[in-house]
Amino acid sequence: MTLAPETTTLKVQLRVDDTADDWFTVCDMSALMPGRGVAALLPDGRQVALFQDRAGRLYAVDNRDPFTGAAVLSRGLIGSHQGRSFVASPLLKQRFELETGRCLDDDTVRVATYGVRTS
C-alpha cells in the first residue's frame, strides 16, 4: 500500500494591524482566481475584499464601498489605470487602487488596505 504524498496548500494571510507583526490566515490560495474578488471576515467583524491580479499579485482592501456603505467591493470588476490595478465598485462604479486604497474618481475618499502574503 502506498500513500499519496502530502501536499502543501498555500494559505493567504493578512496583517490586520500595521504596527504588529501578527498575520491572520484568511483562506487557501486556491480560493482566489485572477481577476475575481473574494470576501473574508476578520475576527473583529470587518470584511476584507481579497484579489489576485492577472500577474499573480495579491491585494486586500476593505470590502465596504464608502459611497454606499454596502459590503460589495469583492464583487467589483478589476482593471488597471496607468499601470496600477484597481477595483470598480459594482454599485456606483467608483474605482479604488488596490495597492493604496485611493479612489481614482474622488481624491478625498479611500478604503483601508491590508498587508497580504502567502505562507
C-alpha atoms as a PDB file:
ATOM      1  CA  MET A   1       0.000   0.000   0.000  1.00  0.00           C
ATOM      2  CA  THR A   2       1.387   3.383  -0.954  1.00  0.00           C
ATOM      3  CA  LEU A   3       0.239   6.639   0.459  1.00  0.00           C
ATOM      4  CA  ALA A   4      -0.239   9.719  -1.651  1.00  0.00           C
ATOM      5  CA  PRO A   5       2.381  12.361  -0.967  1.00  0.00           C
ATOM      6  CA  GLU A   6       1.214  15.065   1.373  1.00  0.00           C
ATOM      7  CA  THR A   7       0.555  18.284  -0.480  1.00  0.00           C
ATOM      8  CA  THR A   8       1.045  21.690   0.995  1.00  0.00           C
ATOM      9  CA  THR A   9      -1.636  24.249   0.247  1.00  0.00           C
ATOM     10  CA  LEU A  10      -0.600  27.882   0.214  1.00  0.00           C
ATOM     11  CA  LYS A  11      -2.540  29.980   2.701  1.00  0.00           C
ATOM     12  CA  VAL A  12      -3.400  33.638   2.201  1.00  0.00           C
ATOM     13  CA  GLN A  13      -2.614  35.708   5.272  1.00  0.00           C
ATOM     14  CA  LEU A  14      -3.450  39.310   6.185  1.00  0.00           C
ATOM     15  CA  ARG A  15      -1.700  41.718   8.508  1.00  0.00           C
ATOM     16  CA  VAL A  16      -4.636  43.411  10.184  1.00  0.00           C
ATOM     17  CA  ASP A  17      -2.589  45.854  12.284  1.00  0.00           C
ATOM     18  CA  ASP A  18       0.314  47.655  10.587  1.00  0.00           C
ATOM     19  CA  THR A  19       2.008  48.222  13.932  1.00  0.00           C
ATOM     20  CA  ALA A  20       2.187  44.499  14.758  1.00  0.00           C
ATOM     21  CA  ASP A  21       3.758  41.515  13.028  1.00  0.00           C
ATOM     22  CA  ASP A  22       0.679  39.347  13.568  1.00  0.00           C
ATOM     23  CA  TRP A  23      -0.716  37.655  10.451  1.00  0.00           C
ATOM     24  CA  PHE A  24      -4.201  36.176  10.208  1.00  0.00           C
ATOM     25  CA  THR A  25      -4.842  33.221   7.883  1.00  0.00           C
ATOM     26  CA  VAL A  26      -7.855  34.012   5.693  1.00  0.00           C
ATOM     27  CA  CYS A  27      -8.171  31.253   3.078  1.00  0.00           C
ATOM     28  CA  ASP A  28      -6.364  28.826   0.802  1.00  0.00           C
ATOM     29  CA  MET A  29      -4.705  30.378  -2.211  1.00  0.00           C
ATOM     30  CA  SER A  30      -6.855  28.083  -4.364  1.00  0.00           C
ATOM     31  CA  ALA A  31      -9.908  30.182  -3.354  1.00  0.00           C
ATOM     32  CA  LEU A  32      -8.586  33.111  -5.391  1.00  0.00           C
ATOM     33  CA  MET A  33      -8.952  33.363  -9.143  1.00  0.00           C
ATOM     34  CA  PRO A  34      -7.124  36.052 -11.109  1.00  0.00           C
ATOM     35  CA  GLY A  35      -9.445  38.940 -11.845  1.00  0.00           C
ATOM     36  CA  ARG A  36     -12.096  37.976  -9.267  1.00  0.00           C
ATOM     37  CA  GLY A  37     -12.550  39.014  -5.670  1.00  0.00           C
ATOM     38  CA  VAL A  38     -13.290  37.023  -2.531  1.00  0.00           C
ATOM     39  CA  ALA A  39     -14.760  38.421   0.685  1.00  0.00           C
ATOM     40  CA  ALA A  40     -13.336  37.366   4.049  1.00  0.00           C
ATOM     41  CA  LEU A  41     -14.474  38.083   7.589  1.00  0.00           C
ATOM     42  CA  LEU A  42     -11.867  39.248  10.115  1.00  0.00           C
ATOM     43  CA  PRO A  43     -12.052  38.326  13.821  1.00  0.00           C
ATOM     44  CA  ASP A  44     -13.197  41.853  14.725  1.00  0.00           C
ATOM     45  CA  GLY A  45     -16.149  41.674  12.304  1.00  0.00           C
ATOM     46  CA  ARG A  46     -14.693  43.750   9.461  1.00  0.00           C
ATOM     47  CA  GLN A  47     -14.948  42.416   5.926  1.00  0.00           C
ATOM     48  CA  VAL A  48     -11.982  42.370   3.570  1.00  0.00           C
ATOM     49  CA  ALA A  49     -12.003  42.003  -0.212  1.00  0.00           C
ATOM     50  CA  LEU A  50      -9.110  39.850  -1.495  1.00  0.00           C
ATOM     51  CA  PHE A  51      -7.903  39.995  -5.079  1.00  0.00           C
ATOM     52  CA  GLN A  52      -5.285  38.366  -7.232  1.00  0.00           C
ATOM     53  CA  ASP A  53      -4.497  40.257 -10.408  1.00  0.00           C
ATOM     54  CA  ARG A  54      -3.588  38.555 -13.669  1.00  0.00           C
ATOM     55  CA  ALA A  55       0.132  38.986 -12.879  1.00  0.00           C
ATOM     56  CA  GLY A  56      -0.361  36.987  -9.648  1.00  0.00           C
ATOM     57  CA  ARG A  57      -0.036  39.893  -7.189  1.00  0.00           C
ATOM     58  CA  LEU A  58      -2.295  39.778  -4.120  1.00  0.00           C
ATOM     59  CA  TYR A  59      -4.239  42.706  -2.694  1.00  0.00           C
ATOM     60  CA  ALA A  60      -6.556  43.197   0.272  1.00  0.00           C
ATOM     61  CA  VAL A  61      -8.852  46.195   0.779  1.00  0.00           C
ATOM     62  CA  ASP A  62     -11.854  46.949   2.941  1.00  0.00           C
ATOM     63  CA  ASN A  63     -14.931  45.319   1.400  1.00  0.00           C
ATOM     64  CA  ARG A  64     -17.211  48.249   2.285  1.00  0.00           C
ATOM     65  CA  ASP A  65     -17.945  50.716  -0.504  1.00  0.00           C
ATOM     66  CA  PRO A  66     -17.546  54.129   1.195  1.00  0.00           C
ATOM     67  CA  PHE A  67     -20.054  55.769  -1.168  1.00  0.00           C
ATOM     68  CA  THR A  68     -22.959  53.411  -0.399  1.00  0.00           C
ATOM     69  CA  GLY A  69     -21.942  51.632   2.811  1.00  0.00           C
ATOM     70  CA  ALA A  70     -22.600  48.245   1.189  1.00  0.00           C
ATOM     71  CA  ALA A  71     -20.055  45.428   1.559  1.00  0.00           C
ATOM     72  CA  VAL A  72     -19.640  44.786  -2.173  1.00  0.00           C
ATOM     73  CA  LEU A  73     -16.115  45.620  -3.354  1.00  0.00           C
ATOM     74  CA  SER A  74     -15.187  41.919  -3.507  1.00  0.00           C
ATOM     75  CA  ARG A  75     -17.755  41.647  -6.326  1.00  0.00           C
ATOM     76  CA  GLY A  76     -16.303  44.566  -8.271  1.00  0.00           C
ATOM     77  CA  LEU A  77     -14.506  44.470 -11.596  1.00  0.00           C
ATOM     78  CA  ILE A  78     -10.701  44.515 -11.692  1.00  0.00           C
ATOM     79  CA  GLY A  79      -8.901  46.739 -14.165  1.00  0.00           C
ATOM     80  CA  SER A  80      -5.818  48.897 -14.492  1.00  0.00           C
ATOM     81  CA  HIS A  81      -5.253  52.614 -14.929  1.00  0.00           C
ATOM     82  CA  GLN A  82      -1.802  53.971 -15.789  1.00  0.00           C
ATOM     83  CA  GLY A  83      -0.281  50.614 -14.821  1.00  0.00           C
ATOM     84  CA  ARG A  84      -1.971  50.419 -11.406  1.00  0.00           C
ATOM     85  CA  SER A  85      -4.583  47.783 -10.548  1.00  0.00           C
ATOM     86  CA  PHE A  86      -7.982  48.928  -9.286  1.00  0.00           C
ATOM     87  CA  VAL A  87     -11.372  47.504  -8.361  1.00  0.00           C
ATOM     88  CA  ALA A  88     -14.517  49.254  -9.600  1.00  0.00           C
ATOM     89  CA  SER A  89     -17.445  49.124  -7.214  1.00  0.00           C
ATOM     90  CA  PRO A  90     -20.342  47.128  -8.692  1.00  0.00           C
ATOM     91  CA  LEU A  91     -22.819  49.752  -7.459  1.00  0.00           C
ATOM     92  CA  LEU A  92     -21.754  53.250  -8.469  1.00  0.00           C
ATOM     93  CA  LYS A  93     -18.582  52.240 -10.377  1.00  0.00           C
ATOM     94  CA  GLN A  94     -16.063  54.311  -8.402  1.00  0.00           C
ATOM     95  CA  ARG A  95     -12.553  52.867  -8.835  1.00  0.00           C
ATOM     96  CA  PHE A  96     -10.219  52.154  -5.921  1.00  0.00           C
ATOM     97  CA  GLU A  97      -6.500  51.484  -6.347  1.00  0.00           C
ATOM     98  CA  LEU A  98      -5.795  48.061  -4.887  1.00  0.00           C
ATOM     99  CA  GLU A  99      -2.338  48.975  -3.602  1.00  0.00           C
ATOM    100  CA  THR A 100      -3.171  52.257  -1.858  1.00  0.00           C
ATOM    101  CA  GLY A 101      -6.981  52.240  -1.474  1.00  0.00           C
ATOM    102  CA  ARG A 102      -7.164  55.695  -3.105  1.00  0.00           C
ATOM    103  CA  CYS A 103     -10.346  56.440  -5.032  1.00  0.00           C
ATOM    104  CA  LEU A 104      -9.426  57.345  -8.602  1.00  0.00           C
ATOM    105  CA  ASP A 105     -12.687  59.256  -9.011  1.00  0.00           C
ATOM    106  CA  ASP A 106     -12.606  61.311  -5.790  1.00  0.00           C
ATOM    107  CA  ASP A 107      -9.256  62.173  -4.148  1.00  0.00           C
ATOM    108  CA  THR A 108     -10.952  62.788  -0.788  1.00  0.00           C
ATOM    109  CA  VAL A 109     -12.057  59.141  -0.437  1.00  0.00           C
ATOM    110  CA  ARG A 110     -10.058  55.998   0.230  1.00  0.00           C
ATOM    111  CA  VAL A 111     -10.598  52.456   1.518  1.00  0.00           C
ATOM    112  CA  ALA A 112      -8.358  50.693   4.019  1.00  0.00           C
ATOM    113  CA  THR A 113      -5.688  48.377   2.655  1.00  0.00           C
ATOM    114  CA  TYR A 114      -4.078  45.390   4.357  1.00  0.00           C
ATOM    115  CA  GLY A 115      -0.743  43.663   4.038  1.00  0.00           C
ATOM    116  CA  VAL A 116      -1.204  40.293   2.317  1.00  0.00           C
ATOM    117  CA  ARG A 117       1.130  37.336   1.815  1.00  0.00           C
ATOM    118  CA  THR A 118       1.116  33.581   1.260  1.00  0.00           C
ATOM    119  CA  SER A 119       2.613  31.041   3.610  1.00  0.00           C
END
